[in-house]
Amino acid sequence: MRSNKAHKITELTLTVFRLNGALVDWGDDFSAPEELTSARWKMLGALALTTQALTAPQIATCMGVTRQGAQKQLNLLVESGLVEPRYNPQHKRSPLYSLTRQGRKIYSTINLRWTGHAAKLAAGFTAAELDTTTKVLQQLAAVYADLGRQHET
């Protein structure tokens, strides 16, 4: 029984790896009309989905990327005028980032298209399937986040 479940976890992990690659490729194409990549779309999304400005490490944690990866994309978004750094009284060397007016406009445009795509995609699944899948993936994400923190210490 145990090896069967371990096999299923292995299958799930391999599927997530393939899904990640497919989502990045698809996301690059999907976000191209707004002159974004999936990586920059992620950064805009992290900022759009919060009510406060965030630091690069906070954005990285939210989106499951490295701090350096988030910082690289944030720098490019600042250069393109979609994100602005702000003074962080808590940490002088780690600015807070927020969307500019143009960044909000671009995010709204892509989010409108995403909402339509998500509705079409969701039609192929039951709510229970989506809830179960989300729960399992969230639990796995938490396990690996904890393992990563243990590895760092």
N, C-alpha and C. Protein backbone atom coordinates (compact mmCIF):
# COMPACT_ATOMS: atom_id res chain seq x y z
N MET A 1 0.83 -1.20 0.00
CA MET A 1 0.00 0.00 0.00
C MET A 1 0.87 1.26 0.00
N ARG A 2 1.88 1.25 0.85
CA ARG A 2 2.73 2.42 0.96
C ARG A 2 3.45 2.72 -0.35
N SER A 3 3.97 1.69 -1.02
CA SER A 3 4.70 1.93 -2.27
C SER A 3 3.76 2.42 -3.37
N ASN A 4 2.49 1.98 -3.34
CA ASN A 4 1.51 2.46 -4.31
C ASN A 4 1.29 3.97 -4.13
N LYS A 5 1.17 4.41 -2.88
CA LYS A 5 0.98 5.84 -2.62
C LYS A 5 2.25 6.62 -2.98
N ALA A 6 3.39 6.04 -2.71
CA ALA A 6 4.65 6.70 -3.08
C ALA A 6 4.74 6.83 -4.60
N HIS A 7 4.29 5.81 -5.31
CA HIS A 7 4.27 5.87 -6.78
C HIS A 7 3.33 6.98 -7.25
N LYS A 8 2.18 7.09 -6.60
CA LYS A 8 1.23 8.13 -6.97
C LYS A 8 1.80 9.53 -6.72
N ILE A 9 2.54 9.70 -5.62
CA ILE A 9 3.19 10.99 -5.34
C ILE A 9 4.24 11.27 -6.42
N THR A 10 4.97 10.24 -6.82
CA THR A 10 5.96 10.41 -7.89
C THR A 10 5.29 10.83 -9.18
N GLU A 11 4.19 10.17 -9.54
CA GLU A 11 3.44 10.54 -10.74
C GLU A 11 2.95 11.98 -10.65
N LEU A 12 2.43 12.35 -9.48
CA LEU A 12 1.94 13.71 -9.28
C LEU A 12 3.08 14.72 -9.43
N THR A 13 4.21 14.43 -8.84
CA THR A 13 5.36 15.33 -8.91
C THR A 13 5.83 15.51 -10.35
N LEU A 14 5.92 14.43 -11.09
CA LEU A 14 6.33 14.53 -12.49
C LEU A 14 5.31 15.32 -13.31
N THR A 15 4.05 15.14 -13.00
CA THR A 15 3.00 15.89 -13.69
C THR A 15 3.11 17.38 -13.38
N VAL A 16 3.40 17.73 -12.12
CA VAL A 16 3.58 19.13 -11.75
C VAL A 16 4.78 19.73 -12.48
N PHE A 17 5.86 18.96 -12.60
CA PHE A 17 7.03 19.45 -13.35
C PHE A 17 6.64 19.75 -14.80
N ARG A 18 5.91 18.83 -15.42
CA ARG A 18 5.48 19.05 -16.81
C ARG A 18 4.51 20.22 -16.91
N LEU A 19 3.59 20.31 -15.96
CA LEU A 19 2.62 21.41 -15.94
C LEU A 19 3.34 22.74 -15.79
N ASN A 20 4.33 22.80 -14.91
CA ASN A 20 5.07 24.05 -14.72
C ASN A 20 5.70 24.51 -16.03
N GLY A 21 6.36 23.61 -16.73
CA GLY A 21 6.96 23.96 -18.01
C GLY A 21 5.93 24.42 -19.03
N ALA A 22 4.83 23.69 -19.08
CA ALA A 22 3.77 24.04 -20.03
C ALA A 22 3.14 25.40 -19.68
N LEU A 23 2.93 25.66 -18.39
CA LEU A 23 2.35 26.93 -17.98
C LEU A 23 3.28 28.11 -18.28
N VAL A 24 4.57 27.92 -18.06
CA VAL A 24 5.52 28.99 -18.36
C VAL A 24 5.51 29.28 -19.86
N ASP A 25 5.57 28.24 -20.67
CA ASP A 25 5.55 28.44 -22.13
C ASP A 25 4.24 29.09 -22.57
N TRP A 26 3.12 28.55 -22.10
CA TRP A 26 1.82 29.10 -22.45
C TRP A 26 1.70 30.54 -21.94
N GLY A 27 2.13 30.78 -20.70
CA GLY A 27 2.05 32.11 -20.11
C GLY A 27 2.86 33.14 -20.87
N ASP A 28 4.02 32.72 -21.40
CA ASP A 28 4.82 33.64 -22.22
C ASP A 28 4.04 34.06 -23.46
N ASP A 29 3.39 33.10 -24.11
CA ASP A 29 2.58 33.42 -25.29
C ASP A 29 1.36 34.27 -24.91
N PHE A 30 0.70 33.90 -23.82
CA PHE A 30 -0.52 34.58 -23.39
C PHE A 30 -0.25 36.03 -23.01
N SER A 31 0.88 36.27 -22.36
CA SER A 31 1.19 37.62 -21.88
C SER A 31 1.95 38.46 -22.91
N ALA A 32 2.34 37.86 -24.02
CA ALA A 32 3.10 38.58 -25.05
C ALA A 32 2.37 39.81 -25.61
N PRO A 33 1.04 39.78 -25.83
CA PRO A 33 0.39 40.99 -26.34
C PRO A 33 0.58 42.22 -25.44
N GLU A 34 0.81 42.00 -24.14
CA GLU A 34 1.07 43.10 -23.22
C GLU A 34 2.57 43.35 -23.03
N GLU A 35 3.36 42.72 -23.90
CA GLU A 35 4.82 42.82 -23.86
C GLU A 35 5.38 42.36 -22.52
N LEU A 36 4.80 41.27 -22.01
CA LEU A 36 5.24 40.66 -20.76
C LEU A 36 5.74 39.25 -21.04
N THR A 37 6.37 38.68 -20.04
CA THR A 37 6.66 37.25 -20.00
C THR A 37 5.84 36.69 -18.85
N SER A 38 5.77 35.37 -18.75
CA SER A 38 5.04 34.79 -17.62
C SER A 38 5.68 35.20 -16.30
N ALA A 39 7.01 35.34 -16.27
CA ALA A 39 7.70 35.75 -15.04
C ALA A 39 7.27 37.16 -14.62
N ARG A 40 7.17 38.07 -15.57
CA ARG A 40 6.77 39.44 -15.24
C ARG A 40 5.28 39.51 -14.91
N TRP A 41 4.50 38.70 -15.59
CA TRP A 41 3.06 38.62 -15.29
C TRP A 41 2.87 38.18 -13.83
N LYS A 42 3.68 37.20 -13.40
CA LYS A 42 3.62 36.74 -12.01
C LYS A 42 3.88 37.87 -11.03
N MET A 43 4.90 38.67 -11.32
CA MET A 43 5.25 39.78 -10.42
C MET A 43 4.12 40.80 -10.36
N LEU A 44 3.55 41.14 -11.52
CA LEU A 44 2.41 42.06 -11.54
C LEU A 44 1.24 41.48 -10.75
N GLY A 45 1.01 40.19 -10.92
CA GLY A 45 -0.08 39.53 -10.21
C GLY A 45 0.10 39.57 -8.70
N ALA A 46 1.32 39.33 -8.25
CA ALA A 46 1.57 39.37 -6.80
C ALA A 46 1.23 40.75 -6.25
N LEU A 47 1.59 41.79 -6.98
CA LEU A 47 1.32 43.15 -6.52
C LEU A 47 -0.15 43.53 -6.68
N ALA A 48 -0.79 43.05 -7.73
CA ALA A 48 -2.19 43.38 -7.97
C ALA A 48 -3.12 42.69 -6.97
N LEU A 49 -2.71 41.54 -6.48
CA LEU A 49 -3.59 40.75 -5.62
C LEU A 49 -3.42 41.06 -4.13
N THR A 50 -2.69 42.12 -3.82
CA THR A 50 -2.51 42.50 -2.43
C THR A 50 -2.97 43.94 -2.25
N THR A 51 -3.21 44.31 -1.01
CA THR A 51 -3.67 45.67 -0.72
C THR A 51 -2.52 46.58 -0.27
N GLN A 52 -1.31 46.04 -0.23
CA GLN A 52 -0.17 46.83 0.23
C GLN A 52 1.04 46.58 -0.64
N ALA A 53 1.96 47.50 -0.62
CA ALA A 53 3.22 47.33 -1.35
C ALA A 53 4.00 46.19 -0.70
N LEU A 54 4.80 45.50 -1.51
CA LEU A 54 5.56 44.33 -1.04
C LEU A 54 7.04 44.49 -1.37
N THR A 55 7.87 43.81 -0.60
CA THR A 55 9.30 43.75 -0.90
C THR A 55 9.55 42.61 -1.88
N ALA A 56 10.72 42.61 -2.49
CA ALA A 56 11.08 41.52 -3.41
C ALA A 56 11.01 40.16 -2.71
N PRO A 57 11.54 40.00 -1.47
CA PRO A 57 11.41 38.70 -0.81
C PRO A 57 9.96 38.28 -0.56
N GLN A 58 9.10 39.24 -0.24
CA GLN A 58 7.69 38.91 -0.03
C GLN A 58 7.03 38.45 -1.33
N ILE A 59 7.36 39.12 -2.41
CA ILE A 59 6.82 38.73 -3.72
C ILE A 59 7.34 37.36 -4.11
N ALA A 60 8.62 37.12 -3.87
CA ALA A 60 9.23 35.82 -4.19
C ALA A 60 8.52 34.70 -3.44
N THR A 61 8.27 34.90 -2.17
CA THR A 61 7.59 33.89 -1.36
C THR A 61 6.17 33.66 -1.87
N CYS A 62 5.48 34.74 -2.16
CA CYS A 62 4.10 34.66 -2.65
C CYS A 62 4.00 33.87 -3.95
N MET A 63 4.96 34.05 -4.83
CA MET A 63 4.91 33.45 -6.17
C MET A 63 5.80 32.22 -6.33
N GLY A 64 6.48 31.81 -5.28
CA GLY A 64 7.26 30.58 -5.35
C GLY A 64 8.49 30.68 -6.24
N VAL A 65 9.14 31.85 -6.20
CA VAL A 65 10.38 32.03 -6.96
C VAL A 65 11.47 32.49 -5.99
N THR A 66 12.70 32.54 -6.47
CA THR A 66 13.78 33.01 -5.62
C THR A 66 13.71 34.53 -5.48
N ARG A 67 14.31 35.03 -4.43
CA ARG A 67 14.37 36.48 -4.24
C ARG A 67 15.10 37.13 -5.40
N GLN A 68 16.19 36.50 -5.84
CA GLN A 68 16.97 37.06 -6.95
C GLN A 68 16.15 37.07 -8.24
N GLY A 69 15.39 36.02 -8.46
CA GLY A 69 14.54 35.95 -9.64
C GLY A 69 13.47 37.03 -9.62
N ALA A 70 12.85 37.22 -8.45
CA ALA A 70 11.83 38.27 -8.32
C ALA A 70 12.47 39.63 -8.53
N GLN A 71 13.65 39.85 -7.95
CA GLN A 71 14.31 41.15 -8.07
C GLN A 71 14.64 41.48 -9.51
N LYS A 72 15.11 40.47 -10.25
CA LYS A 72 15.45 40.69 -11.67
C LYS A 72 14.22 41.15 -12.45
N GLN A 73 13.09 40.47 -12.24
CA GLN A 73 11.87 40.82 -12.96
C GLN A 73 11.33 42.17 -12.49
N LEU A 74 11.42 42.45 -11.20
CA LEU A 74 10.97 43.74 -10.68
C LEU A 74 11.80 44.88 -11.28
N ASN A 75 13.10 44.69 -11.39
CA ASN A 75 13.95 45.72 -12.00
C ASN A 75 13.51 46.01 -13.43
N LEU A 76 13.20 44.95 -14.18
CA LEU A 76 12.74 45.13 -15.56
C LEU A 76 11.38 45.82 -15.60
N LEU A 77 10.51 45.50 -14.66
CA LEU A 77 9.20 46.14 -14.60
C LEU A 77 9.31 47.61 -14.19
N VAL A 78 10.27 47.92 -13.32
CA VAL A 78 10.51 49.32 -12.96
C VAL A 78 10.99 50.08 -14.20
N GLU A 79 11.95 49.49 -14.93
CA GLU A 79 12.47 50.13 -16.16
C GLU A 79 11.36 50.39 -17.17
N SER A 80 10.38 49.49 -17.24
CA SER A 80 9.31 49.64 -18.22
C SER A 80 8.15 50.50 -17.69
N GLY A 81 8.27 50.98 -16.46
CA GLY A 81 7.26 51.88 -15.92
C GLY A 81 6.01 51.21 -15.39
N LEU A 82 6.04 49.91 -15.17
CA LEU A 82 4.86 49.19 -14.69
C LEU A 82 4.84 49.03 -13.17
N VAL A 83 6.01 49.15 -12.56
CA VAL A 83 6.16 48.99 -11.11
C VAL A 83 7.04 50.12 -10.61
N GLU A 84 6.76 50.58 -9.39
CA GLU A 84 7.61 51.61 -8.80
C GLU A 84 8.10 51.17 -7.43
N PRO A 85 9.38 51.42 -7.16
CA PRO A 85 9.91 51.14 -5.82
C PRO A 85 9.59 52.31 -4.89
N ARG A 86 9.34 51.98 -3.65
CA ARG A 86 9.06 53.02 -2.65
C ARG A 86 9.95 52.78 -1.44
N TYR A 87 10.20 53.84 -0.73
CA TYR A 87 11.00 53.76 0.49
C TYR A 87 10.34 52.81 1.48
N ASN A 88 11.14 51.96 2.10
CA ASN A 88 10.66 51.01 3.10
C ASN A 88 11.24 51.42 4.45
N PRO A 89 10.44 51.98 5.34
CA PRO A 89 10.96 52.40 6.64
C PRO A 89 11.43 51.23 7.50
N GLN A 90 10.98 50.02 7.19
CA GLN A 90 11.37 48.83 7.95
C GLN A 90 12.74 48.29 7.55
N HIS A 91 13.12 48.57 6.29
CA HIS A 91 14.37 48.01 5.77
C HIS A 91 14.85 48.89 4.62
N LYS A 92 15.81 49.72 4.89
CA LYS A 92 16.26 50.73 3.92
C LYS A 92 16.77 50.14 2.61
N ARG A 93 17.30 48.92 2.65
CA ARG A 93 17.88 48.33 1.43
C ARG A 93 16.91 47.41 0.69
N SER A 94 15.69 47.28 1.19
CA SER A 94 14.69 46.44 0.55
C SER A 94 13.44 47.27 0.30
N PRO A 95 13.38 47.91 -0.88
CA PRO A 95 12.24 48.79 -1.15
C PRO A 95 10.92 48.03 -1.22
N LEU A 96 9.86 48.78 -1.05
CA LEU A 96 8.52 48.27 -1.26
C LEU A 96 8.15 48.55 -2.71
N TYR A 97 7.49 47.61 -3.35
CA TYR A 97 7.09 47.76 -4.75
C TYR A 97 5.58 47.81 -4.85
N SER A 98 5.12 48.63 -5.78
CA SER A 98 3.69 48.70 -6.09
C SER A 98 3.52 48.96 -7.57
N LEU A 99 2.32 48.69 -8.06
CA LEU A 99 2.02 48.93 -9.47
C LEU A 99 1.86 50.42 -9.73
N THR A 100 2.32 50.84 -10.88
CA THR A 100 2.03 52.19 -11.34
C THR A 100 0.65 52.17 -11.99
N ARG A 101 0.17 53.33 -12.41
CA ARG A 101 -1.11 53.38 -13.11
C ARG A 101 -1.04 52.50 -14.36
N GLN A 102 0.06 52.62 -15.11
CA GLN A 102 0.23 51.81 -16.32
C GLN A 102 0.30 50.31 -15.96
N GLY A 103 0.96 49.98 -14.86
CA GLY A 103 1.03 48.59 -14.42
C GLY A 103 -0.34 48.03 -14.08
N ARG A 104 -1.17 48.84 -13.42
CA ARG A 104 -2.54 48.41 -13.11
C ARG A 104 -3.35 48.21 -14.38
N LYS A 105 -3.15 49.12 -15.34
CA LYS A 105 -3.87 49.02 -16.62
C LYS A 105 -3.48 47.73 -17.36
N ILE A 106 -2.18 47.48 -17.46
CA ILE A 106 -1.70 46.27 -18.14
C ILE A 106 -2.20 45.02 -17.42
N TYR A 107 -2.11 45.02 -16.08
CA TYR A 107 -2.58 43.86 -15.34
C TYR A 107 -4.08 43.66 -15.55
N SER A 108 -4.85 44.72 -15.53
CA SER A 108 -6.31 44.59 -15.75
C SER A 108 -6.61 44.01 -17.12
N THR A 109 -5.86 44.43 -18.12
CA THR A 109 -6.07 43.93 -19.48
C THR A 109 -5.81 42.44 -19.54
N ILE A 110 -4.68 42.01 -19.01
CA ILE A 110 -4.34 40.58 -19.08
C ILE A 110 -5.25 39.77 -18.16
N ASN A 111 -5.64 40.35 -17.04
CA ASN A 111 -6.51 39.63 -16.11
C ASN A 111 -7.90 39.42 -16.71
N LEU A 112 -8.38 40.36 -17.49
CA LEU A 112 -9.66 40.20 -18.17
C LEU A 112 -9.60 39.01 -19.13
N ARG A 113 -8.52 38.93 -19.91
CA ARG A 113 -8.36 37.79 -20.81
C ARG A 113 -8.22 36.50 -20.02
N TRP A 114 -7.45 36.54 -18.91
CA TRP A 114 -7.25 35.35 -18.08
C TRP A 114 -8.58 34.86 -17.52
N THR A 115 -9.42 35.76 -17.07
CA THR A 115 -10.71 35.37 -16.48
C THR A 115 -11.55 34.59 -17.48
N GLY A 116 -11.57 35.06 -18.72
CA GLY A 116 -12.29 34.32 -19.76
C GLY A 116 -11.68 32.96 -20.02
N HIS A 117 -10.36 32.90 -20.07
CA HIS A 117 -9.68 31.62 -20.28
C HIS A 117 -9.95 30.66 -19.11
N ALA A 118 -9.86 31.18 -17.89
CA ALA A 118 -10.06 30.34 -16.71
C ALA A 118 -11.48 29.77 -16.67
N ALA A 119 -12.46 30.57 -17.07
CA ALA A 119 -13.85 30.09 -17.09
C ALA A 119 -14.01 28.94 -18.07
N LYS A 120 -13.40 29.07 -19.26
CA LYS A 120 -13.47 27.98 -20.24
C LYS A 120 -12.77 26.73 -19.72
N LEU A 121 -11.61 26.91 -19.14
CA LEU A 121 -10.84 25.78 -18.61
C LEU A 121 -11.59 25.09 -17.47
N ALA A 122 -12.17 25.89 -16.58
CA ALA A 122 -12.87 25.35 -15.41
C ALA A 122 -14.08 24.51 -15.81
N ALA A 123 -14.65 24.78 -16.96
CA ALA A 123 -15.84 24.04 -17.40
C ALA A 123 -15.56 22.55 -17.56
N GLY A 124 -14.31 22.17 -17.70
CA GLY A 124 -13.96 20.76 -17.87
C GLY A 124 -13.79 19.99 -16.57
N PHE A 125 -14.02 20.64 -15.44
CA PHE A 125 -13.81 20.00 -14.13
C PHE A 125 -14.99 20.30 -13.22
N THR A 126 -15.19 19.43 -12.24
CA THR A 126 -16.19 19.73 -11.21
C THR A 126 -15.54 20.62 -10.15
N ALA A 127 -16.37 21.32 -9.39
CA ALA A 127 -15.85 22.14 -8.30
C ALA A 127 -15.11 21.27 -7.28
N ALA A 128 -15.61 20.07 -7.03
CA ALA A 128 -14.96 19.18 -6.07
C ALA A 128 -13.57 18.76 -6.57
N GLU A 129 -13.45 18.47 -7.86
CA GLU A 129 -12.13 18.13 -8.41
C GLU A 129 -11.15 19.28 -8.24
N LEU A 130 -11.61 20.47 -8.53
CA LEU A 130 -10.73 21.64 -8.40
C LEU A 130 -10.37 21.90 -6.94
N ASP A 131 -11.33 21.74 -6.04
CA ASP A 131 -11.06 21.93 -4.61
C ASP A 131 -10.05 20.92 -4.10
N THR A 132 -10.23 19.65 -4.46
CA THR A 132 -9.31 18.60 -4.02
C THR A 132 -7.91 18.82 -4.58
N THR A 133 -7.83 19.14 -5.84
CA THR A 133 -6.53 19.38 -6.47
C THR A 133 -5.82 20.54 -5.81
N THR A 134 -6.54 21.62 -5.57
CA THR A 134 -5.95 22.79 -4.92
C THR A 134 -5.46 22.44 -3.52
N LYS A 135 -6.26 21.69 -2.77
CA LYS A 135 -5.88 21.31 -1.41
C LYS A 135 -4.61 20.47 -1.41
N VAL A 136 -4.53 19.48 -2.27
CA VAL A 136 -3.35 18.60 -2.32
C VAL A 136 -2.12 19.41 -2.73
N LEU A 137 -2.25 20.26 -3.73
CA LEU A 137 -1.09 21.04 -4.17
C LEU A 137 -0.66 22.04 -3.11
N GLN A 138 -1.60 22.64 -2.40
CA GLN A 138 -1.24 23.55 -1.31
C GLN A 138 -0.51 22.82 -0.19
N GLN A 139 -0.96 21.61 0.12
CA GLN A 139 -0.30 20.83 1.16
C GLN A 139 1.12 20.44 0.74
N LEU A 140 1.29 20.04 -0.50
CA LEU A 140 2.62 19.72 -0.99
C LEU A 140 3.52 20.95 -1.01
N ALA A 141 2.98 22.09 -1.41
CA ALA A 141 3.76 23.33 -1.40
C ALA A 141 4.23 23.65 0.01
N ALA A 142 3.36 23.46 0.99
CA ALA A 142 3.73 23.74 2.38
C ALA A 142 4.81 22.78 2.87
N VAL A 143 4.69 21.51 2.52
CA VAL A 143 5.70 20.52 2.92
C VAL A 143 7.06 20.90 2.35
N TYR A 144 7.10 21.24 1.07
CA TYR A 144 8.39 21.56 0.45
C TYR A 144 8.93 22.91 0.90
N ALA A 145 8.05 23.84 1.24
CA ALA A 145 8.52 25.11 1.81
C ALA A 145 9.19 24.85 3.16
N ASP A 146 8.58 23.98 3.98
CA ASP A 146 9.17 23.63 5.27
C ASP A 146 10.50 22.90 5.09
N LEU A 147 10.53 21.97 4.14
CA LEU A 147 11.79 21.24 3.88
C LEU A 147 12.89 22.20 3.42
N GLY A 148 12.51 23.17 2.61
CA GLY A 148 13.49 24.15 2.15
C GLY A 148 14.04 24.98 3.29
N ARG A 149 13.17 25.37 4.22
CA ARG A 149 13.62 26.15 5.39
C ARG A 149 14.52 25.30 6.27
N GLN A 150 14.22 24.02 6.43
CA GLN A 150 15.06 23.13 7.24
C GLN A 150 16.43 22.98 6.61
N HIS A 151 16.46 22.92 5.28
CA HIS A 151 17.71 22.76 4.55
C HIS A 151 18.60 24.00 4.72
N GLU A 152 17.97 25.18 4.83
CA GLU A 152 18.71 26.42 4.96
C GLU A 152 19.39 26.56 6.32
N THR A 153 18.85 25.91 7.34
CA THR A 153 19.41 26.06 8.69
C THR A 153 20.47 25.05 9.00
